[in-house]
Amino acid sequence: MADQDPPVIHQEFHAKVHEHKPMVCGGYGEERPANDHINQVVHKVRKDVEAKHGAAEVYEVVSYRSQVVAGTNYQVKLRLGPNKVVDIKIFEPLPGKDAEPRLVE
């Protein structure tokens, strides 16, 4: 076994694997555009968001970042009006915990 050369990593494969930014363990991921799931999560905390920031003329996710913990933390840029964008944080518990997402400070 010692007489064999170590396996060669092909440069093309190595370049593809390292194209994306590295994930930071325990940290938030890259900023992403809205999708169906985050829209549903944000909708569930609308009453709390409006209690804190006032009635929303518009209620639209601009972008978000997520962090997996014992559930998921979201940092969300949320458009509440033509000239009003706020940053909110939401915690979504793990599935099966019978708890809804909640706005966190």
PDB file of N, CA and C in Angstrom:
ATOM      1  N   MET A   1       0.819  -1.183   0.000  1.00  0.00           N
ATOM      2  CA  MET A   1       0.000   0.000   0.000  1.00  0.00           C
ATOM      3  C   MET A   1       0.867   1.253   0.000  1.00  0.00           C
ATOM      4  N   ALA A   2       1.991   1.245   0.690  1.00  0.00           N
ATOM      5  CA  ALA A   2       2.870   2.397   0.785  1.00  0.00           C
ATOM      6  C   ALA A   2       3.539   2.698  -0.555  1.00  0.00           C
ATOM      7  N   ASP A   3       3.596   1.705  -1.466  1.00  0.00           N
ATOM      8  CA  ASP A   3       4.241   1.906  -2.756  1.00  0.00           C
ATOM      9  C   ASP A   3       3.344   2.651  -3.748  1.00  0.00           C
ATOM     10  N   GLN A   4       2.057   2.795  -3.436  1.00  0.00           N
ATOM     11  CA  GLN A   4       1.140   3.457  -4.360  1.00  0.00           C
ATOM     12  C   GLN A   4       1.171   4.979  -4.161  1.00  0.00           C
ATOM     13  N   ASP A   5       0.987   5.679  -5.281  1.00  0.00           N
ATOM     14  CA  ASP A   5       0.888   7.137  -5.211  1.00  0.00           C
ATOM     15  C   ASP A   5      -0.471   7.515  -4.629  1.00  0.00           C
ATOM     16  N   PRO A   6      -0.532   8.638  -3.919  1.00  0.00           N
ATOM     17  CA  PRO A   6      -1.826   9.078  -3.403  1.00  0.00           C
ATOM     18  C   PRO A   6      -2.749   9.451  -4.556  1.00  0.00           C
ATOM     19  N   PRO A   7      -4.073   9.389  -4.362  1.00  0.00           N
ATOM     20  CA  PRO A   7      -5.001   9.718  -5.437  1.00  0.00           C
ATOM     21  C   PRO A   7      -4.824  11.172  -5.881  1.00  0.00           C
ATOM     22  N   VAL A   8      -5.019  11.403  -7.150  1.00  0.00           N
ATOM     23  CA  VAL A   8      -4.882  12.744  -7.712  1.00  0.00           C
ATOM     24  C   VAL A   8      -6.253  13.421  -7.723  1.00  0.00           C
ATOM     25  N   ILE A   9      -6.303  14.624  -7.212  1.00  0.00           N
ATOM     26  CA  ILE A   9      -7.544  15.397  -7.263  1.00  0.00           C
ATOM     27  C   ILE A   9      -7.488  16.207  -8.546  1.00  0.00           C
ATOM     28  N   HIS A  10      -8.473  16.021  -9.367  1.00  0.00           N
ATOM     29  CA  HIS A  10      -8.497  16.736 -10.634  1.00  0.00           C
ATOM     30  C   HIS A  10      -8.746  18.214 -10.389  1.00  0.00           C
ATOM     31  N   GLN A  11      -7.952  19.062 -11.023  1.00  0.00           N
ATOM     32  CA  GLN A  11      -8.059  20.503 -10.821  1.00  0.00           C
ATOM     33  C   GLN A  11      -9.444  21.027 -11.177  1.00  0.00           C
ATOM     34  N   GLU A  12     -10.051  20.496 -12.238  1.00  0.00           N
ATOM     35  CA  GLU A  12     -11.376  20.962 -12.655  1.00  0.00           C
ATOM     36  C   GLU A  12     -12.413  20.681 -11.570  1.00  0.00           C
ATOM     37  N   PHE A  13     -12.379  19.478 -11.007  1.00  0.00           N
ATOM     38  CA  PHE A  13     -13.305  19.121  -9.928  1.00  0.00           C
ATOM     39  C   PHE A  13     -13.056  20.003  -8.708  1.00  0.00           C
ATOM     40  N   HIS A  14     -11.789  20.169  -8.351  1.00  0.00           N
ATOM     41  CA  HIS A  14     -11.418  20.975  -7.190  1.00  0.00           C
ATOM     42  C   HIS A  14     -11.921  22.408  -7.359  1.00  0.00           C
ATOM     43  N   ALA A  15     -11.813  22.974  -8.544  1.00  0.00           N
ATOM     44  CA  ALA A  15     -12.271  24.336  -8.808  1.00  0.00           C
ATOM     45  C   ALA A  15     -13.788  24.430  -8.660  1.00  0.00           C
ATOM     46  N   LYS A  16     -14.522  23.416  -9.151  1.00  0.00           N
ATOM     47  CA  LYS A  16     -15.990  23.418  -9.043  1.00  0.00           C
ATOM     48  C   LYS A  16     -16.435  23.370  -7.585  1.00  0.00           C
ATOM     49  N   VAL A  17     -15.799  22.546  -6.802  1.00  0.00           N
ATOM     50  CA  VAL A  17     -16.168  22.379  -5.398  1.00  0.00           C
ATOM     51  C   VAL A  17     -15.967  23.686  -4.631  1.00  0.00           C
ATOM     52  N   HIS A  18     -14.960  24.450  -4.987  1.00  0.00           N
ATOM     53  CA  HIS A  18     -14.626  25.662  -4.247  1.00  0.00           C
ATOM     54  C   HIS A  18     -15.134  26.942  -4.913  1.00  0.00           C
ATOM     55  N   GLU A  19     -16.104  26.805  -5.849  1.00  0.00           N
ATOM     56  CA  GLU A  19     -16.690  27.962  -6.519  1.00  0.00           C
ATOM     57  C   GLU A  19     -17.474  28.842  -5.561  1.00  0.00           C
ATOM     58  N   HIS A  20     -18.216  28.223  -4.652  1.00  0.00           N
ATOM     59  CA  HIS A  20     -19.092  28.946  -3.744  1.00  0.00           C
ATOM     60  C   HIS A  20     -18.319  29.400  -2.520  1.00  0.00           C
ATOM     61  N   LYS A  21     -18.885  30.418  -1.852  1.00  0.00           N
ATOM     62  CA  LYS A  21     -18.275  30.874  -0.614  1.00  0.00           C
ATOM     63  C   LYS A  21     -18.354  29.759   0.412  1.00  0.00           C
ATOM     64  N   PRO A  22     -17.345  29.615   1.252  1.00  0.00           N
ATOM     65  CA  PRO A  22     -17.401  28.560   2.267  1.00  0.00           C
ATOM     66  C   PRO A  22     -18.474  28.851   3.302  1.00  0.00           C
ATOM     67  N   MET A  23     -19.097  27.779   3.809  1.00  0.00           N
ATOM     68  CA  MET A  23     -20.098  27.917   4.843  1.00  0.00           C
ATOM     69  C   MET A  23     -19.394  28.152   6.177  1.00  0.00           C
ATOM     70  N   VAL A  24     -19.919  29.047   6.955  1.00  0.00           N
ATOM     71  CA  VAL A  24     -19.373  29.317   8.272  1.00  0.00           C
ATOM     72  C   VAL A  24     -20.186  28.494   9.261  1.00  0.00           C
ATOM     73  N   CYS A  25     -19.553  27.531   9.897  1.00  0.00           N
ATOM     74  CA  CYS A  25     -20.270  26.686  10.844  1.00  0.00           C
ATOM     75  C   CYS A  25     -20.835  27.543  11.969  1.00  0.00           C
ATOM     76  N   GLY A  26     -22.131  27.404  12.195  1.00  0.00           N
ATOM     77  CA  GLY A  26     -22.788  28.152  13.247  1.00  0.00           C
ATOM     78  C   GLY A  26     -23.191  29.557  12.848  1.00  0.00           C
ATOM     79  N   GLY A  27     -22.797  29.985  11.661  1.00  0.00           N
ATOM     80  CA  GLY A  27     -23.103  31.343  11.221  1.00  0.00           C
ATOM     81  C   GLY A  27     -24.262  31.378  10.243  1.00  0.00           C
ATOM     82  N   TYR A  28     -24.620  32.583   9.847  1.00  0.00           N
ATOM     83  CA  TYR A  28     -25.678  32.769   8.859  1.00  0.00           C
ATOM     84  C   TYR A  28     -25.124  32.502   7.466  1.00  0.00           C
ATOM     85  N   GLY A  29     -25.975  31.955   6.610  1.00  0.00           N
ATOM     86  CA  GLY A  29     -25.603  31.701   5.231  1.00  0.00           C
ATOM     87  C   GLY A  29     -25.683  32.978   4.406  1.00  0.00           C
ATOM     88  N   GLU A  30     -25.500  32.819   3.104  1.00  0.00           N
ATOM     89  CA  GLU A  30     -25.544  33.940   2.179  1.00  0.00           C
ATOM     90  C   GLU A  30     -26.949  34.518   2.082  1.00  0.00           C
ATOM     91  N   GLU A  31     -27.021  35.793   1.706  1.00  0.00           N
ATOM     92  CA  GLU A  31     -28.301  36.447   1.485  1.00  0.00           C
ATOM     93  C   GLU A  31     -28.953  35.835   0.248  1.00  0.00           C
ATOM     94  N   ARG A  32     -30.260  35.571   0.352  1.00  0.00           N
ATOM     95  CA  ARG A  32     -30.994  34.919  -0.735  1.00  0.00           C
ATOM     96  C   ARG A  32     -32.279  35.675  -1.041  1.00  0.00           C
ATOM     97  N   PRO A  33     -32.794  35.517  -2.252  1.00  0.00           N
ATOM     98  CA  PRO A  33     -34.093  36.113  -2.568  1.00  0.00           C
ATOM     99  C   PRO A  33     -35.214  35.314  -1.899  1.00  0.00           C
ATOM    100  N   ALA A  34     -36.378  35.924  -1.808  1.00  0.00           N
ATOM    101  CA  ALA A  34     -37.528  35.263  -1.180  1.00  0.00           C
ATOM    102  C   ALA A  34     -37.911  33.992  -1.931  1.00  0.00           C
ATOM    103  N   ASN A  35     -38.485  33.054  -1.187  1.00  0.00           N
ATOM    104  CA  ASN A  35     -39.065  31.836  -1.773  1.00  0.00           C
ATOM    105  C   ASN A  35     -40.371  31.545  -1.026  1.00  0.00           C
ATOM    106  N   ASP A  36     -41.082  30.524  -1.443  1.00  0.00           N
ATOM    107  CA  ASP A  36     -42.380  30.220  -0.833  1.00  0.00           C
ATOM    108  C   ASP A  36     -42.282  29.967   0.673  1.00  0.00           C
ATOM    109  N   HIS A  37     -41.251  29.223   1.091  1.00  0.00           N
ATOM    110  CA  HIS A  37     -41.139  28.884   2.512  1.00  0.00           C
ATOM    111  C   HIS A  37     -40.941  30.128   3.374  1.00  0.00           C
ATOM    112  N   ILE A  38     -39.994  30.997   3.005  1.00  0.00           N
ATOM    113  CA  ILE A  38     -39.744  32.175   3.834  1.00  0.00           C
ATOM    114  C   ILE A  38     -40.951  33.102   3.814  1.00  0.00           C
ATOM    115  N   ASN A  39     -41.653  33.179   2.696  1.00  0.00           N
ATOM    116  CA  ASN A  39     -42.874  33.991   2.649  1.00  0.00           C
ATOM    117  C   ASN A  39     -43.915  33.472   3.636  1.00  0.00           C
ATOM    118  N   GLN A  40     -44.060  32.162   3.747  1.00  0.00           N
ATOM    119  CA  GLN A  40     -45.006  31.568   4.705  1.00  0.00           C
ATOM    120  C   GLN A  40     -44.585  31.862   6.142  1.00  0.00           C
ATOM    121  N   VAL A  41     -43.291  31.729   6.428  1.00  0.00           N
ATOM    122  CA  VAL A  41     -42.782  31.987   7.782  1.00  0.00           C
ATOM    123  C   VAL A  41     -43.031  33.443   8.164  1.00  0.00           C
ATOM    124  N   VAL A  42     -42.691  34.362   7.263  1.00  0.00           N
ATOM    125  CA  VAL A  42     -42.847  35.787   7.544  1.00  0.00           C
ATOM    126  C   VAL A  42     -44.323  36.153   7.702  1.00  0.00           C
ATOM    127  N   HIS A  43     -45.182  35.535   6.926  1.00  0.00           N
ATOM    128  CA  HIS A  43     -46.622  35.803   7.051  1.00  0.00           C
ATOM    129  C   HIS A  43     -47.138  35.441   8.451  1.00  0.00           C
ATOM    130  N   LYS A  44     -46.591  34.384   9.043  1.00  0.00           N
ATOM    131  CA  LYS A  44     -47.045  33.937  10.362  1.00  0.00           C
ATOM    132  C   LYS A  44     -46.716  34.925  11.481  1.00  0.00           C
ATOM    133  N   VAL A  45     -45.755  35.824  11.265  1.00  0.00           N
ATOM    134  CA  VAL A  45     -45.394  36.799  12.302  1.00  0.00           C
ATOM    135  C   VAL A  45     -45.863  38.214  11.943  1.00  0.00           C
ATOM    136  N   ARG A  46     -46.721  38.335  10.936  1.00  0.00           N
ATOM    137  CA  ARG A  46     -47.155  39.660  10.457  1.00  0.00           C
ATOM    138  C   ARG A  46     -47.757  40.518  11.565  1.00  0.00           C
ATOM    139  N   LYS A  47     -48.625  39.937  12.388  1.00  0.00           N
ATOM    140  CA  LYS A  47     -49.273  40.705  13.453  1.00  0.00           C
ATOM    141  C   LYS A  47     -48.216  41.313  14.385  1.00  0.00           C
ATOM    142  N   ASP A  48     -47.208  40.543  14.744  1.00  0.00           N
ATOM    143  CA  ASP A  48     -46.144  41.037  15.635  1.00  0.00           C
ATOM    144  C   ASP A  48     -45.293  42.106  14.947  1.00  0.00           C
ATOM    145  N   VAL A  49     -45.018  41.913  13.662  1.00  0.00           N
ATOM    146  CA  VAL A  49     -44.237  42.901  12.902  1.00  0.00           C
ATOM    147  C   VAL A  49     -44.988  44.229  12.847  1.00  0.00           C
ATOM    148  N   GLU A  50     -46.286  44.157  12.557  1.00  0.00           N
ATOM    149  CA  GLU A  50     -47.085  45.390  12.469  1.00  0.00           C
ATOM    150  C   GLU A  50     -47.255  46.048  13.842  1.00  0.00           C
ATOM    151  N   ALA A  51     -47.309  45.267  14.901  1.00  0.00           N
ATOM    152  CA  ALA A  51     -47.382  45.836  16.249  1.00  0.00           C
ATOM    153  C   ALA A  51     -46.110  46.626  16.565  1.00  0.00           C
ATOM    154  N   LYS A  52     -44.991  46.154  16.052  1.00  0.00           N
ATOM    155  CA  LYS A  52     -43.707  46.808  16.325  1.00  0.00           C
ATOM    156  C   LYS A  52     -43.417  47.956  15.352  1.00  0.00           C
ATOM    157  N   HIS A  53     -43.764  47.789  14.068  1.00  0.00           N
ATOM    158  CA  HIS A  53     -43.366  48.748  13.030  1.00  0.00           C
ATOM    159  C   HIS A  53     -44.516  49.530  12.418  1.00  0.00           C
ATOM    160  N   GLY A  54     -45.736  49.273  12.845  1.00  0.00           N
ATOM    161  CA  GLY A  54     -46.893  49.965  12.281  1.00  0.00           C
ATOM    162  C   GLY A  54     -47.505  49.173  11.139  1.00  0.00           C
ATOM    163  N   ALA A  55     -48.721  49.585  10.753  1.00  0.00           N
ATOM    164  CA  ALA A  55     -49.448  48.893   9.672  1.00  0.00           C
ATOM    165  C   ALA A  55     -48.626  48.910   8.388  1.00  0.00           C
ATOM    166  N   ALA A  56     -48.643  47.804   7.678  1.00  0.00           N
ATOM    167  CA  ALA A  56     -47.862  47.660   6.453  1.00  0.00           C
ATOM    168  C   ALA A  56     -48.720  47.958   5.227  1.00  0.00           C
ATOM    169  N   GLU A  57     -48.237  48.869   4.375  1.00  0.00           N
ATOM    170  CA  GLU A  57     -48.892  49.105   3.076  1.00  0.00           C
ATOM    171  C   GLU A  57     -48.571  47.955   2.137  1.00  0.00           C
ATOM    172  N   VAL A  58     -47.362  47.450   2.278  1.00  0.00           N
ATOM    173  CA  VAL A  58     -46.844  46.335   1.486  1.00  0.00           C
ATOM    174  C   VAL A  58     -46.259  45.366   2.509  1.00  0.00           C
ATOM    175  N   TYR A  59     -46.239  44.099   2.209  1.00  0.00           N
ATOM    176  CA  TYR A  59     -45.627  43.118   3.122  1.00  0.00           C
ATOM    177  C   TYR A  59     -44.892  42.124   2.250  1.00  0.00           C
ATOM    178  N   GLU A  60     -43.630  42.435   1.950  1.00  0.00           N
ATOM    179  CA  GLU A  60     -42.890  41.682   0.937  1.00  0.00           C
ATOM    180  C   GLU A  60     -41.453  41.429   1.386  1.00  0.00           C
ATOM    181  N   VAL A  61     -41.041  40.168   1.342  1.00  0.00           N
ATOM    182  CA  VAL A  61     -39.664  39.818   1.672  1.00  0.00           C
ATOM    183  C   VAL A  61     -38.757  40.280   0.533  1.00  0.00           C
ATOM    184  N   VAL A  62     -37.748  41.070   0.886  1.00  0.00           N
ATOM    185  CA  VAL A  62     -36.750  41.527  -0.086  1.00  0.00           C
ATOM    186  C   VAL A  62     -35.672  40.462  -0.215  1.00  0.00           C
ATOM    187  N   SER A  63     -35.147  40.010   0.931  1.00  0.00           N
ATOM    188  CA  SER A  63     -34.117  38.968   0.963  1.00  0.00           C
ATOM    189  C   SER A  63     -34.052  38.414   2.383  1.00  0.00           C
ATOM    190  N   TYR A  64     -33.311  37.320   2.525  1.00  0.00           N
ATOM    191  CA  TYR A  64     -33.166  36.725   3.859  1.00  0.00           C
ATOM    192  C   TYR A  64     -31.877  35.927   3.931  1.00  0.00           C
ATOM    193  N   ARG A  65     -31.462  35.664   5.158  1.00  0.00           N
ATOM    194  CA  ARG A  65     -30.337  34.765   5.456  1.00  0.00           C
ATOM    195  C   ARG A  65     -30.826  33.820   6.537  1.00  0.00           C
ATOM    196  N   SER A  66     -30.281  32.616   6.577  1.00  0.00           N
ATOM    197  CA  SER A  66     -30.730  31.660   7.591  1.00  0.00           C
ATOM    198  C   SER A  66     -29.543  31.048   8.321  1.00  0.00           C
ATOM    199  N   GLN A  67     -29.831  30.574   9.526  1.00  0.00           N
ATOM    200  CA  GLN A  67     -28.852  29.920  10.385  1.00  0.00           C
ATOM    201  C   GLN A  67     -29.550  28.731  11.033  1.00  0.00           C
ATOM    202  N   VAL A  68     -29.002  27.547  10.840  1.00  0.00           N
ATOM    203  CA  VAL A  68     -29.586  26.348  11.433  1.00  0.00           C
ATOM    204  C   VAL A  68     -29.052  26.203  12.849  1.00  0.00           C
ATOM    205  N   VAL A  69     -29.988  26.127  13.784  1.00  0.00           N
ATOM    206  CA  VAL A  69     -29.669  25.901  15.197  1.00  0.00           C
ATOM    207  C   VAL A  69     -30.589  24.761  15.629  1.00  0.00           C
ATOM    208  N   ALA A  70     -31.169  24.806  16.805  1.00  0.00           N
ATOM    209  CA  ALA A  70     -32.188  23.822  17.178  1.00  0.00           C
ATOM    210  C   ALA A  70     -33.507  24.347  16.623  1.00  0.00           C
ATOM    211  N   GLY A  71     -33.545  24.479  15.315  1.00  0.00           N
ATOM    212  CA  GLY A  71     -34.587  25.144  14.557  1.00  0.00           C
ATOM    213  C   GLY A  71     -33.861  26.001  13.533  1.00  0.00           C
ATOM    214  N   THR A  72     -34.473  27.091  13.098  1.00  0.00           N
ATOM    215  CA  THR A  72     -33.817  27.978  12.138  1.00  0.00           C
ATOM    216  C   THR A  72     -34.036  29.429  12.523  1.00  0.00           C
ATOM    217  N   ASN A  73     -32.951  30.195  12.526  1.00  0.00           N
ATOM    218  CA  ASN A  73     -33.023  31.641  12.689  1.00  0.00           C
ATOM    219  C   ASN A  73     -33.022  32.261  11.302  1.00  0.00           C
ATOM    220  N   TYR A  74     -33.837  33.283  11.113  1.00  0.00           N
ATOM    221  CA  TYR A  74     -33.862  34.019   9.852  1.00  0.00           C
ATOM    222  C   TYR A  74     -33.613  35.494  10.121  1.00  0.00           C
ATOM    223  N   GLN A  75     -32.752  36.107   9.334  1.00  0.00           N
ATOM    224  CA  GLN A  75     -32.606  37.556   9.281  1.00  0.00           C
ATOM    225  C   GLN A  75     -33.264  37.962   7.974  1.00  0.00           C
ATOM    226  N   VAL A  76     -34.299  38.786   8.061  1.00  0.00           N
ATOM    227  CA  VAL A  76     -35.123  39.093   6.895  1.00  0.00           C
ATOM    228  C   VAL A  76     -35.168  40.596   6.647  1.00  0.00           C
ATOM    229  N   LYS A  77     -34.954  40.992   5.400  1.00  0.00           N
ATOM    230  CA  LYS A  77     -35.215  42.369   4.963  1.00  0.00           C
ATOM    231  C   LYS A  77     -36.634  42.366   4.428  1.00  0.00           C
ATOM    232  N   LEU A  78     -37.496  43.159   5.048  1.00  0.00           N
ATOM    233  CA  LEU A  78     -38.915  43.128   4.754  1.00  0.00           C
ATOM    234  C   LEU A  78     -39.402  44.512   4.333  1.00  0.00           C
ATOM    235  N   ARG A  79     -40.023  44.597   3.165  1.00  0.00           N
ATOM    236  CA  ARG A  79     -40.584  45.854   2.676  1.00  0.00           C
ATOM    237  C   ARG A  79     -41.990  46.015   3.249  1.00  0.00           C
ATOM    238  N   LEU A  80     -42.191  47.140   3.960  1.00  0.00           N
ATOM    239  CA  LEU A  80     -43.487  47.422   4.571  1.00  0.00           C
ATOM    240  C   LEU A  80     -44.224  48.566   3.871  1.00  0.00           C
ATOM    241  N   GLY A  81     -43.539  49.232   2.982  1.00  0.00           N
ATOM    242  CA  GLY A  81     -44.133  50.345   2.245  1.00  0.00           C
ATOM    243  C   GLY A  81     -43.206  50.744   1.123  1.00  0.00           C
ATOM    244  N   PRO A  82     -43.634  51.705   0.291  1.00  0.00           N
ATOM    245  CA  PRO A  82     -42.818  52.117  -0.848  1.00  0.00           C
ATOM    246  C   PRO A  82     -41.417  52.587  -0.448  1.00  0.00           C
ATOM    247  N   ASN A  83     -41.292  53.220   0.707  1.00  0.00           N
ATOM    248  CA  ASN A  83     -39.989  53.729   1.159  1.00  0.00           C
ATOM    249  C   ASN A  83     -39.607  53.198   2.530  1.00  0.00           C
ATOM    250  N   LYS A  84     -40.144  52.040   2.894  1.00  0.00           N
ATOM    251  CA  LYS A  84     -39.883  51.508   4.232  1.00  0.00           C
ATOM    252  C   LYS A  84     -39.475  50.039   4.159  1.00  0.00           C
ATOM    253  N   VAL A  85     -38.203  49.774   4.476  1.00  0.00           N
ATOM    254  CA  VAL A  85     -37.681  48.408   4.566  1.00  0.00           C
ATOM    255  C   VAL A  85     -37.126  48.240   5.970  1.00  0.00           C
ATOM    256  N   VAL A  86     -37.516  47.167   6.652  1.00  0.00           N
ATOM    257  CA  VAL A  86     -37.033  46.900   8.006  1.00  0.00           C
ATOM    258  C   VAL A  86     -36.296  45.565   8.031  1.00  0.00           C
ATOM    259  N   ASP A  87     -35.415  45.435   8.998  1.00  0.00           N
ATOM    260  CA  ASP A  87     -34.723  44.168   9.248  1.00  0.00           C
ATOM    261  C   ASP A  87     -35.377  43.519  10.445  1.00  0.00           C
ATOM    262  N   ILE A  88     -35.796  42.269  10.286  1.00  0.00           N
ATOM    263  CA  ILE A  88     -36.406  41.532  11.395  1.00  0.00           C
ATOM    264  C   ILE A  88     -35.685  40.205  11.571  1.00  0.00           C
ATOM    265  N   LYS A  89     -35.828  39.632  12.750  1.00  0.00           N
ATOM    266  CA  LYS A  89     -35.288  38.295  13.042  1.00  0.00           C
ATOM    267  C   LYS A  89     -36.443  37.405  13.464  1.00  0.00           C
ATOM    268  N   ILE A  90     -36.445  36.202  12.927  1.00  0.00           N
ATOM    269  CA  ILE A  90     -37.492  35.220  13.220  1.00  0.00           C
ATOM    270  C   ILE A  90     -36.825  33.911  13.619  1.00  0.00           C
ATOM    271  N   PHE A  91     -37.391  33.256  14.609  1.00  0.00           N
ATOM    272  CA  PHE A  91     -36.959  31.899  14.962  1.00  0.00           C
ATOM    273  C   PHE A  91     -38.070  30.939  14.573  1.00  0.00           C
ATOM    274  N   GLU A  92     -37.723  29.916  13.797  1.00  0.00           N
ATOM    275  CA  GLU A  92     -38.673  28.866  13.425  1.00  0.00           C
ATOM    276  C   GLU A  92     -38.239  27.566  14.103  1.00  0.00           C
ATOM    277  N   PRO A  93     -39.061  27.034  15.024  1.00  0.00           N
ATOM    278  CA  PRO A  93     -38.707  25.789  15.720  1.00  0.00           C
ATOM    279  C   PRO A  93     -38.618  24.604  14.759  1.00  0.00           C
ATOM    280  N   LEU A  94     -37.997  23.563  15.217  1.00  0.00           N
ATOM    281  CA  LEU A  94     -37.926  22.329  14.432  1.00  0.00           C
ATOM    282  C   LEU A  94     -39.330  21.796  14.168  1.00  0.00           C
ATOM    283  N   PRO A  95     -39.522  21.123  13.042  1.00  0.00           N
ATOM    284  CA  PRO A  95     -40.834  20.515  12.767  1.00  0.00           C
ATOM    285  C   PRO A  95     -41.205  19.532  13.887  1.00  0.00           C
ATOM    286  N   GLY A  96     -42.489  19.467  14.191  1.00  0.00           N
ATOM    287  CA  GLY A  96     -42.958  18.525  15.211  1.00  0.00           C
ATOM    288  C   GLY A  96     -42.924  19.084  16.612  1.00  0.00           C
ATOM    289  N   LYS A  97     -42.480  20.305  16.785  1.00  0.00           N
ATOM    290  CA  LYS A  97     -42.417  20.907  18.122  1.00  0.00           C
ATOM    291  C   LYS A  97     -43.716  21.609  18.493  1.00  0.00           C
ATOM    292  N   ASP A  98     -44.731  21.582  17.601  1.00  0.00           N
ATOM    293  CA  ASP A  98     -46.020  22.236  17.862  1.00  0.00           C
ATOM    294  C   ASP A  98     -45.866  23.693  18.273  1.00  0.00           C
ATOM    295  N   ALA A  99     -44.919  24.376  17.677  1.00  0.00           N
ATOM    296  CA  ALA A  99     -44.715  25.799  17.951  1.00  0.00           C
ATOM    297  C   ALA A  99     -44.604  26.533  16.622  1.00  0.00           C
ATOM    298  N   GLU A 100     -45.104  27.744  16.599  1.00  0.00           N
ATOM    299  CA  GLU A 100     -45.070  28.569  15.396  1.00  0.00           C
ATOM    300  C   GLU A 100     -43.801  29.426  15.378  1.00  0.00           C
ATOM    301  N   PRO A 101     -43.424  29.902  14.206  1.00  0.00           N
ATOM    302  CA  PRO A 101     -42.308  30.849  14.143  1.00  0.00           C
ATOM    303  C   PRO A 101     -42.641  32.076  14.979  1.00  0.00           C
ATOM    304  N   ARG A 102     -41.605  32.716  15.518  1.00  0.00           N
ATOM    305  CA  ARG A 102     -41.833  33.911  16.329  1.00  0.00           C
ATOM    306  C   ARG A 102     -40.799  34.988  16.012  1.00  0.00           C
ATOM    307  N   LEU A 103     -41.241  36.221  16.140  1.00  0.00           N
ATOM    308  CA  LEU A 103     -40.370  37.373  15.969  1.00  0.00           C
ATOM    309  C   LEU A 103     -39.460  37.452  17.188  1.00  0.00           C
ATOM    310  N   VAL A 104     -38.188  37.673  16.989  1.00  0.00           N
ATOM    311  CA  VAL A 104     -37.240  37.791  18.110  1.00  0.00           C
ATOM    312  C   VAL A 104     -36.557  39.154  18.030  1.00  0.00           C
ATOM    313  N   GLU A 105     -36.138  39.642  19.150  1.00  0.00           N
ATOM    314  CA  GLU A 105     -35.492  40.966  19.212  1.00  0.00           C
ATOM    315  C   GLU A 105     -34.006  40.823  19.048  1.00  0.00           C
TER     316      GLU A 105
END
